[in-house]
Amino acid sequence: MISIYQRALVECNYKATLFLRMVSEYGGLGAAKRLLHAPSIQYGFEKLWELGRLDLTMESLILKEPWGQIFTEEELTIAKERLKALDYNS
């Protein structure tokens, strides 16, 4: 999770301060689960979509190995559906 924050900062000049704070407070897994179960899509997801960098979203990250193993099928489906809604295929 920290690596996608750092990549977004370096590659897109996008400083996802709230995301970093969540990861620091809840850990990577805890932050991801909170974001997945949030009632609406987060600002950072929308911002990365605007920048054409959905590959740097938490949703994209958790669909890759080995991370997918630690999420439920429901959580992986949420991530897939968010990305699919914006025509992104990881």
PDB file of N, CA and C in Angstrom:
ATOM      1  N   MET A   1       0.829  -1.193   0.000  1.00  0.00           N
ATOM      2  CA  MET A   1       0.000   0.000   0.000  1.00  0.00           C
ATOM      3  C   MET A   1       0.870   1.252   0.000  1.00  0.00           C
ATOM      4  N   ILE A   2       1.931   1.214   0.767  1.00  0.00           N
ATOM      5  CA  ILE A   2       2.850   2.365   0.781  1.00  0.00           C
ATOM      6  C   ILE A   2       3.488   2.535  -0.593  1.00  0.00           C
ATOM      7  N   SER A   3       3.772   1.425  -1.263  1.00  0.00           N
ATOM      8  CA  SER A   3       4.425   1.534  -2.572  1.00  0.00           C
ATOM      9  C   SER A   3       3.514   2.196  -3.605  1.00  0.00           C
ATOM     10  N   ILE A   4       2.199   1.929  -3.559  1.00  0.00           N
ATOM     11  CA  ILE A   4       1.338   2.605  -4.537  1.00  0.00           C
ATOM     12  C   ILE A   4       1.173   4.086  -4.184  1.00  0.00           C
ATOM     13  N   TYR A   5       1.228   4.405  -2.904  1.00  0.00           N
ATOM     14  CA  TYR A   5       1.225   5.813  -2.505  1.00  0.00           C
ATOM     15  C   TYR A   5       2.465   6.501  -3.081  1.00  0.00           C
ATOM     16  N   GLN A   6       3.625   5.879  -2.891  1.00  0.00           N
ATOM     17  CA  GLN A   6       4.884   6.463  -3.368  1.00  0.00           C
ATOM     18  C   GLN A   6       4.907   6.572  -4.885  1.00  0.00           C
ATOM     19  N   ARG A   7       4.410   5.565  -5.575  1.00  0.00           N
ATOM     20  CA  ARG A   7       4.365   5.620  -7.037  1.00  0.00           C
ATOM     21  C   ARG A   7       3.444   6.733  -7.521  1.00  0.00           C
ATOM     22  N   ALA A   8       2.290   6.892  -6.876  1.00  0.00           N
ATOM     23  CA  ALA A   8       1.366   7.960  -7.267  1.00  0.00           C
ATOM     24  C   ALA A   8       2.014   9.324  -7.062  1.00  0.00           C
ATOM     25  N   LEU A   9       2.771   9.451  -5.989  1.00  0.00           N
ATOM     26  CA  LEU A   9       3.454  10.712  -5.706  1.00  0.00           C
ATOM     27  C   LEU A   9       4.524  10.999  -6.758  1.00  0.00           C
ATOM     28  N   VAL A  10       5.346  10.018  -7.048  1.00  0.00           N
ATOM     29  CA  VAL A  10       6.456  10.205  -7.984  1.00  0.00           C
ATOM     30  C   VAL A  10       5.970  10.276  -9.435  1.00  0.00           C
ATOM     31  N   GLU A  11       5.112   9.345  -9.817  1.00  0.00           N
ATOM     32  CA  GLU A  11       4.721   9.240 -11.225  1.00  0.00           C
ATOM     33  C   GLU A  11       3.609  10.202 -11.636  1.00  0.00           C
ATOM     34  N   CYS A  12       2.774  10.628 -10.682  1.00  0.00           N
ATOM     35  CA  CYS A  12       1.620  11.466 -11.016  1.00  0.00           C
ATOM     36  C   CYS A  12       1.592  12.788 -10.265  1.00  0.00           C
ATOM     37  N   ASN A  13       2.552  12.970  -9.381  1.00  0.00           N
ATOM     38  CA  ASN A  13       2.563  14.146  -8.515  1.00  0.00           C
ATOM     39  C   ASN A  13       1.265  14.243  -7.713  1.00  0.00           C
ATOM     40  N   TYR A  14       0.726  13.076  -7.330  1.00  0.00           N
ATOM     41  CA  TYR A  14      -0.501  13.020  -6.542  1.00  0.00           C
ATOM     42  C   TYR A  14      -0.161  12.575  -5.118  1.00  0.00           C
ATOM     43  N   LYS A  15      -0.405  13.464  -4.189  1.00  0.00           N
ATOM     44  CA  LYS A  15      -0.106  13.205  -2.781  1.00  0.00           C
ATOM     45  C   LYS A  15      -1.396  12.778  -2.074  1.00  0.00           C
ATOM     46  N   ALA A  16      -1.547  11.486  -1.899  1.00  0.00           N
ATOM     47  CA  ALA A  16      -2.753  10.918  -1.291  1.00  0.00           C
ATOM     48  C   ALA A  16      -2.608  10.890   0.228  1.00  0.00           C
ATOM     49  N   THR A  17      -2.687  12.047   0.828  1.00  0.00           N
ATOM     50  CA  THR A  17      -2.442  12.207   2.258  1.00  0.00           C
ATOM     51  C   THR A  17      -3.404  11.398   3.120  1.00  0.00           C
ATOM     52  N   LEU A  18      -4.682  11.431   2.798  1.00  0.00           N
ATOM     53  CA  LEU A  18      -5.661  10.697   3.592  1.00  0.00           C
ATOM     54  C   LEU A  18      -5.439   9.193   3.487  1.00  0.00           C
ATOM     55  N   PHE A  19      -5.090   8.732   2.295  1.00  0.00           N
ATOM     56  CA  PHE A  19      -4.789   7.317   2.089  1.00  0.00           C
ATOM     57  C   PHE A  19      -3.602   6.899   2.950  1.00  0.00           C
ATOM     58  N   LEU A  20      -2.559   7.689   2.924  1.00  0.00           N
ATOM     59  CA  LEU A  20      -1.365   7.388   3.713  1.00  0.00           C
ATOM     60  C   LEU A  20      -1.694   7.386   5.206  1.00  0.00           C
ATOM     61  N   ARG A  21      -2.507   8.314   5.632  1.00  0.00           N
ATOM     62  CA  ARG A  21      -2.916   8.368   7.038  1.00  0.00           C
ATOM     63  C   ARG A  21      -3.695   7.116   7.432  1.00  0.00           C
ATOM     64  N   MET A  22      -4.597   6.670   6.555  1.00  0.00           N
ATOM     65  CA  MET A  22      -5.361   5.448   6.836  1.00  0.00           C
ATOM     66  C   MET A  22      -4.444   4.239   6.952  1.00  0.00           C
ATOM     67  N   VAL A  23      -3.486   4.136   6.045  1.00  0.00           N
ATOM     68  CA  VAL A  23      -2.555   3.007   6.071  1.00  0.00           C
ATOM     69  C   VAL A  23      -1.725   3.050   7.348  1.00  0.00           C
ATOM     70  N   SER A  24      -1.309   4.235   7.742  1.00  0.00           N
ATOM     71  CA  SER A  24      -0.529   4.376   8.977  1.00  0.00           C
ATOM     72  C   SER A  24      -1.356   4.010  10.203  1.00  0.00           C
ATOM     73  N   GLU A  25      -2.629   4.383  10.185  1.00  0.00           N
ATOM     74  CA  GLU A  25      -3.488   4.148  11.339  1.00  0.00           C
ATOM     75  C   GLU A  25      -3.998   2.710  11.432  1.00  0.00           C
ATOM     76  N   TYR A  26      -4.408   2.138  10.300  1.00  0.00           N
ATOM     77  CA  TYR A  26      -5.059   0.830  10.310  1.00  0.00           C
ATOM     78  C   TYR A  26      -4.218  -0.292   9.712  1.00  0.00           C
ATOM     79  N   GLY A  27      -3.057   0.055   9.173  1.00  0.00           N
ATOM     80  CA  GLY A  27      -2.264  -0.933   8.452  1.00  0.00           C
ATOM     81  C   GLY A  27      -2.819  -1.093   7.049  1.00  0.00           C
ATOM     82  N   GLY A  28      -2.047  -1.706   6.185  1.00  0.00           N
ATOM     83  CA  GLY A  28      -2.465  -1.852   4.791  1.00  0.00           C
ATOM     84  C   GLY A  28      -3.746  -2.648   4.630  1.00  0.00           C
ATOM     85  N   LEU A  29      -3.832  -3.783   5.307  1.00  0.00           N
ATOM     86  CA  LEU A  29      -5.017  -4.632   5.198  1.00  0.00           C
ATOM     87  C   LEU A  29      -6.245  -3.930   5.779  1.00  0.00           C
ATOM     88  N   GLY A  30      -6.103  -3.347   6.932  1.00  0.00           N
ATOM     89  CA  GLY A  30      -7.224  -2.655   7.562  1.00  0.00           C
ATOM     90  C   GLY A  30      -7.725  -1.488   6.726  1.00  0.00           C
ATOM     91  N   ALA A  31      -6.797  -0.730   6.170  1.00  0.00           N
ATOM     92  CA  ALA A  31      -7.183   0.402   5.324  1.00  0.00           C
ATOM     93  C   ALA A  31      -7.905  -0.088   4.075  1.00  0.00           C
ATOM     94  N   ALA A  32      -7.375  -1.126   3.446  1.00  0.00           N
ATOM     95  CA  ALA A  32      -7.996  -1.660   2.235  1.00  0.00           C
ATOM     96  C   ALA A  32      -9.419  -2.128   2.512  1.00  0.00           C
ATOM     97  N   LYS A  33      -9.602  -2.862   3.600  1.00  0.00           N
ATOM     98  CA  LYS A  33     -10.935  -3.363   3.930  1.00  0.00           C
ATOM     99  C   LYS A  33     -11.901  -2.213   4.224  1.00  0.00           C
ATOM    100  N   ARG A  34     -11.436  -1.182   4.904  1.00  0.00           N
ATOM    101  CA  ARG A  34     -12.293  -0.018   5.170  1.00  0.00           C
ATOM    102  C   ARG A  34     -12.682   0.677   3.869  1.00  0.00           C
ATOM    103  N   LEU A  35     -11.737   0.827   2.971  1.00  0.00           N
ATOM    104  CA  LEU A  35     -12.025   1.468   1.691  1.00  0.00           C
ATOM    105  C   LEU A  35     -12.997   0.635   0.855  1.00  0.00           C
ATOM    106  N   LEU A  36     -12.813  -0.678   0.876  1.00  0.00           N
ATOM    107  CA  LEU A  36     -13.698  -1.552   0.110  1.00  0.00           C
ATOM    108  C   LEU A  36     -15.130  -1.515   0.625  1.00  0.00           C
ATOM    109  N   HIS A  37     -15.295  -1.377   1.922  1.00  0.00           N
ATOM    110  CA  HIS A  37     -16.630  -1.406   2.514  1.00  0.00           C
ATOM    111  C   HIS A  37     -17.227  -0.021   2.737  1.00  0.00           C
ATOM    112  N   ALA A  38     -16.549   1.004   2.267  1.00  0.00           N
ATOM    113  CA  ALA A  38     -17.073   2.368   2.381  1.00  0.00           C
ATOM    114  C   ALA A  38     -18.330   2.495   1.516  1.00  0.00           C
ATOM    115  N   PRO A  39     -19.270   3.319   1.935  1.00  0.00           N
ATOM    116  CA  PRO A  39     -20.521   3.451   1.184  1.00  0.00           C
ATOM    117  C   PRO A  39     -20.367   4.112  -0.192  1.00  0.00           C
ATOM    118  N   SER A  40     -19.263   4.803  -0.409  1.00  0.00           N
ATOM    119  CA  SER A  40     -19.060   5.438  -1.711  1.00  0.00           C
ATOM    120  C   SER A  40     -17.593   5.324  -2.112  1.00  0.00           C
ATOM    121  N   ILE A  41     -17.348   5.540  -3.371  1.00  0.00           N
ATOM    122  CA  ILE A  41     -15.984   5.494  -3.886  1.00  0.00           C
ATOM    123  C   ILE A  41     -15.213   6.689  -3.333  1.00  0.00           C
ATOM    124  N   GLN A  42     -13.995   6.459  -2.980  1.00  0.00           N
ATOM    125  CA  GLN A  42     -13.163   7.480  -2.356  1.00  0.00           C
ATOM    126  C   GLN A  42     -12.602   8.471  -3.390  1.00  0.00           C
ATOM    127  N   TYR A  43     -12.275   9.652  -2.900  1.00  0.00           N
ATOM    128  CA  TYR A  43     -11.716  10.713  -3.737  1.00  0.00           C
ATOM    129  C   TYR A  43     -10.454  10.254  -4.453  1.00  0.00           C
ATOM    130  N   GLY A  44      -9.582   9.549  -3.756  1.00  0.00           N
ATOM    131  CA  GLY A  44      -8.322   9.102  -4.353  1.00  0.00           C
ATOM    132  C   GLY A  44      -8.528   8.199  -5.543  1.00  0.00           C
ATOM    133  N   PHE A  45      -9.519   7.329  -5.489  1.00  0.00           N
ATOM    134  CA  PHE A  45      -9.845   6.447  -6.613  1.00  0.00           C
ATOM    135  C   PHE A  45     -10.251   7.289  -7.815  1.00  0.00           C
ATOM    136  N   GLU A  46     -11.121   8.270  -7.570  1.00  0.00           N
ATOM    137  CA  GLU A  46     -11.572   9.153  -8.647  1.00  0.00           C
ATOM    138  C   GLU A  46     -10.407   9.965  -9.219  1.00  0.00           C
ATOM    139  N   LYS A  47      -9.542  10.446  -8.351  1.00  0.00           N
ATOM    140  CA  LYS A  47      -8.396  11.246  -8.797  1.00  0.00           C
ATOM    141  C   LYS A  47      -7.470  10.412  -9.676  1.00  0.00           C
ATOM    142  N   LEU A  48      -7.197   9.185  -9.259  1.00  0.00           N
ATOM    143  CA  LEU A  48      -6.325   8.318 -10.063  1.00  0.00           C
ATOM    144  C   LEU A  48      -6.983   7.971 -11.398  1.00  0.00           C
ATOM    145  N   TRP A  49      -8.311   7.869 -11.423  1.00  0.00           N
ATOM    146  CA  TRP A  49      -9.016   7.656 -12.682  1.00  0.00           C
ATOM    147  C   TRP A  49      -8.829   8.866 -13.599  1.00  0.00           C
ATOM    148  N   GLU A  50      -8.977  10.073 -13.029  1.00  0.00           N
ATOM    149  CA  GLU A  50      -8.774  11.299 -13.807  1.00  0.00           C
ATOM    150  C   GLU A  50      -7.367  11.358 -14.385  1.00  0.00           C
ATOM    151  N   LEU A  51      -6.408  10.860 -13.624  1.00  0.00           N
ATOM    152  CA  LEU A  51      -5.006  10.865 -14.062  1.00  0.00           C
ATOM    153  C   LEU A  51      -4.680   9.707 -15.000  1.00  0.00           C
ATOM    154  N   GLY A  52      -5.665   8.844 -15.248  1.00  0.00           N
ATOM    155  CA  GLY A  52      -5.431   7.686 -16.115  1.00  0.00           C
ATOM    156  C   GLY A  52      -4.543   6.634 -15.463  1.00  0.00           C
ATOM    157  N   ARG A  53      -4.590   6.539 -14.144  1.00  0.00           N
ATOM    158  CA  ARG A  53      -3.712   5.632 -13.410  1.00  0.00           C
ATOM    159  C   ARG A  53      -4.466   4.729 -12.443  1.00  0.00           C
ATOM    160  N   LEU A  54      -5.488   4.071 -12.924  1.00  0.00           N
ATOM    161  CA  LEU A  54      -6.200   3.131 -12.065  1.00  0.00           C
ATOM    162  C   LEU A  54      -5.309   1.965 -11.639  1.00  0.00           C
ATOM    163  N   ASP A  55      -4.192   1.794 -12.316  1.00  0.00           N
ATOM    164  CA  ASP A  55      -3.240   0.749 -11.909  1.00  0.00           C
ATOM    165  C   ASP A  55      -2.631   1.047 -10.547  1.00  0.00           C
ATOM    166  N   LEU A  56      -2.744   2.290 -10.074  1.00  0.00           N
ATOM    167  CA  LEU A  56      -2.190   2.668  -8.779  1.00  0.00           C
ATOM    168  C   LEU A  56      -3.249   2.692  -7.673  1.00  0.00           C
ATOM    169  N   THR A  57      -4.412   2.156  -7.951  1.00  0.00           N
ATOM    170  CA  THR A  57      -5.451   2.109  -6.920  1.00  0.00           C
ATOM    171  C   THR A  57      -5.264   0.893  -6.029  1.00  0.00           C
ATOM    172  N   MET A  58      -5.787   1.003  -4.832  1.00  0.00           N
ATOM    173  CA  MET A  58      -5.789  -0.132  -3.915  1.00  0.00           C
ATOM    174  C   MET A  58      -6.554  -1.291  -4.536  1.00  0.00           C
ATOM    175  N   GLU A  59      -7.640  -0.990  -5.258  1.00  0.00           N
ATOM    176  CA  GLU A  59      -8.453  -2.023  -5.888  1.00  0.00           C
ATOM    177  C   GLU A  59      -7.631  -2.847  -6.868  1.00  0.00           C
ATOM    178  N   SER A  60      -6.835  -2.172  -7.660  1.00  0.00           N
ATOM    179  CA  SER A  60      -5.978  -2.871  -8.619  1.00  0.00           C
ATOM    180  C   SER A  60      -4.911  -3.706  -7.904  1.00  0.00           C
ATOM    181  N   LEU A  61      -4.344  -3.143  -6.865  1.00  0.00           N
ATOM    182  CA  LEU A  61      -3.292  -3.832  -6.118  1.00  0.00           C
ATOM    183  C   LEU A  61      -3.787  -5.138  -5.511  1.00  0.00           C
ATOM    184  N   ILE A  62      -4.963  -5.119  -4.886  1.00  0.00           N
ATOM    185  CA  ILE A  62      -5.399  -6.326  -4.179  1.00  0.00           C
ATOM    186  C   ILE A  62      -5.831  -7.445  -5.113  1.00  0.00           C
ATOM    187  N   LEU A  63      -6.043  -7.121  -6.371  1.00  0.00           N
ATOM    188  CA  LEU A  63      -6.410  -8.164  -7.328  1.00  0.00           C
ATOM    189  C   LEU A  63      -5.191  -8.919  -7.846  1.00  0.00           C
ATOM    190  N   LYS A  64      -4.009  -8.467  -7.475  1.00  0.00           N
ATOM    191  CA  LYS A  64      -2.762  -9.113  -7.897  1.00  0.00           C
ATOM    192  C   LYS A  64      -2.242 -10.041  -6.803  1.00  0.00           C
ATOM    193  N   GLU A  65      -1.500 -11.036  -7.230  1.00  0.00           N
ATOM    194  CA  GLU A  65      -0.868 -11.944  -6.269  1.00  0.00           C
ATOM    195  C   GLU A  65       0.277 -11.230  -5.586  1.00  0.00           C
ATOM    196  N   PRO A  66       0.486 -11.504  -4.350  1.00  0.00           N
ATOM    197  CA  PRO A  66      -0.187 -12.480  -3.494  1.00  0.00           C
ATOM    198  C   PRO A  66      -1.356 -11.885  -2.710  1.00  0.00           C
ATOM    199  N   TRP A  67      -1.685 -10.636  -2.955  1.00  0.00           N
ATOM    200  CA  TRP A  67      -2.632  -9.913  -2.100  1.00  0.00           C
ATOM    201  C   TRP A  67      -4.051 -10.448  -2.141  1.00  0.00           C
ATOM    202  N   GLY A  68      -4.489 -10.941  -3.269  1.00  0.00           N
ATOM    203  CA  GLY A  68      -5.857 -11.430  -3.382  1.00  0.00           C
ATOM    204  C   GLY A  68      -6.194 -12.536  -2.405  1.00  0.00           C
ATOM    205  N   GLN A  69      -5.197 -13.249  -1.960  1.00  0.00           N
ATOM    206  CA  GLN A  69      -5.415 -14.376  -1.048  1.00  0.00           C
ATOM    207  C   GLN A  69      -5.929 -13.954   0.324  1.00  0.00           C
ATOM    208  N   ILE A  70      -5.713 -12.713   0.702  1.00  0.00           N
ATOM    209  CA  ILE A  70      -6.087 -12.298   2.058  1.00  0.00           C
ATOM    210  C   ILE A  70      -7.406 -11.524   2.101  1.00  0.00           C
ATOM    211  N   PHE A  71      -8.100 -11.489   0.966  1.00  0.00           N
ATOM    212  CA  PHE A  71      -9.387 -10.810   0.895  1.00  0.00           C
ATOM    213  C   PHE A  71     -10.479 -11.819   0.588  1.00  0.00           C
ATOM    214  N   THR A  72     -11.700 -11.498   1.011  1.00  0.00           N
ATOM    215  CA  THR A  72     -12.828 -12.380   0.734  1.00  0.00           C
ATOM    216  C   THR A  72     -13.230 -12.257  -0.737  1.00  0.00           C
ATOM    217  N   GLU A  73     -14.009 -13.211  -1.196  1.00  0.00           N
ATOM    218  CA  GLU A  73     -14.523 -13.138  -2.568  1.00  0.00           C
ATOM    219  C   GLU A  73     -15.374 -11.886  -2.747  1.00  0.00           C
ATOM    220  N   GLU A  74     -16.140 -11.543  -1.717  1.00  0.00           N
ATOM    221  CA  GLU A  74     -16.971 -10.334  -1.777  1.00  0.00           C
ATOM    222  C   GLU A  74     -16.097  -9.089  -1.967  1.00  0.00           C
ATOM    223  N   GLU A  75     -15.013  -8.996  -1.234  1.00  0.00           N
ATOM    224  CA  GLU A  75     -14.121  -7.832  -1.340  1.00  0.00           C
ATOM    225  C   GLU A  75     -13.443  -7.781  -2.700  1.00  0.00           C
ATOM    226  N   LEU A  76     -13.030  -8.924  -3.204  1.00  0.00           N
ATOM    227  CA  LEU A  76     -12.405  -8.959  -4.533  1.00  0.00           C
ATOM    228  C   LEU A  76     -13.415  -8.575  -5.606  1.00  0.00           C
ATOM    229  N   THR A  77     -14.656  -8.981  -5.435  1.00  0.00           N
ATOM    230  CA  THR A  77     -15.711  -8.613  -6.386  1.00  0.00           C
ATOM    231  C   THR A  77     -15.954  -7.112  -6.368  1.00  0.00           C
ATOM    232  N   ILE A  78     -15.956  -6.517  -5.187  1.00  0.00           N
ATOM    233  CA  ILE A  78     -16.128  -5.060  -5.081  1.00  0.00           C
ATOM    234  C   ILE A  78     -15.016  -4.360  -5.861  1.00  0.00           C
ATOM    235  N   ALA A  79     -13.780  -4.794  -5.654  1.00  0.00           N
ATOM    236  CA  ALA A  79     -12.641  -4.186  -6.347  1.00  0.00           C
ATOM    237  C   ALA A  79     -12.783  -4.347  -7.858  1.00  0.00           C
ATOM    238  N   LYS A  80     -13.129  -5.543  -8.306  1.00  0.00           N
ATOM    239  CA  LYS A  80     -13.292  -5.802  -9.747  1.00  0.00           C
ATOM    240  C   LYS A  80     -14.388  -4.936 -10.344  1.00  0.00           C
ATOM    241  N   GLU A  81     -15.510  -4.822  -9.629  1.00  0.00           N
ATOM    242  CA  GLU A  81     -16.637  -4.047 -10.150  1.00  0.00           C
ATOM    243  C   GLU A  81     -16.316  -2.558 -10.240  1.00  0.00           C
ATOM    244  N   ARG A  82     -15.593  -2.042  -9.258  1.00  0.00           N
ATOM    245  CA  ARG A  82     -15.208  -0.620  -9.316  1.00  0.00           C
ATOM    246  C   ARG A  82     -14.335  -0.356 -10.538  1.00  0.00           C
ATOM    247  N   LEU A  83     -13.384  -1.228 -10.762  1.00  0.00           N
ATOM    248  CA  LEU A  83     -12.485  -1.042 -11.906  1.00  0.00           C
ATOM    249  C   LEU A  83     -13.217  -1.269 -13.224  1.00  0.00           C
ATOM    250  N   LYS A  84     -14.056  -2.287 -13.272  1.00  0.00           N
ATOM    251  CA  LYS A  84     -14.804  -2.596 -14.484  1.00  0.00           C
ATOM    252  C   LYS A  84     -15.742  -1.452 -14.860  1.00  0.00           C
ATOM    253  N   ALA A  85     -16.323  -0.791 -13.864  1.00  0.00           N
ATOM    254  CA  ALA A  85     -17.238   0.326 -14.117  1.00  0.00           C
ATOM    255  C   ALA A  85     -16.546   1.456 -14.879  1.00  0.00           C
ATOM    256  N   LEU A  86     -15.229   1.515 -14.775  1.00  0.00           N
ATOM    257  CA  LEU A  86     -14.466   2.548 -15.472  1.00  0.00           C
ATOM    258  C   LEU A  86     -13.640   1.957 -16.619  1.00  0.00           C
ATOM    259  N   ASP A  87     -14.064   0.769 -17.077  1.00  0.00           N
ATOM    260  CA  ASP A  87     -13.442   0.090 -18.220  1.00  0.00           C
ATOM    261  C   ASP A  87     -11.968  -0.202 -18.027  1.00  0.00           C
ATOM    262  N   TYR A  88     -11.576  -0.513 -16.797  1.00  0.00           N
ATOM    263  CA  TYR A  88     -10.184  -0.856 -16.527  1.00  0.00           C
ATOM    264  C   TYR A  88     -10.064  -2.353 -16.312  1.00  0.00           C
ATOM    265  N   ASN A  89      -9.133  -2.948 -17.017  1.00  0.00           N
ATOM    266  CA  ASN A  89      -8.823  -4.357 -16.834  1.00  0.00           C
ATOM    267  C   ASN A  89      -7.388  -4.474 -16.410  1.00  0.00           C
ATOM    268  N   SER A  90      -7.182  -4.908 -15.145  1.00  0.00           N
ATOM    269  CA  SER A  90      -5.812  -4.992 -14.618  1.00  0.00           C
ATOM    270  C   SER A  90      -5.041  -6.129 -15.211  1.00  0.00           C
TER     271      SER A  90
END
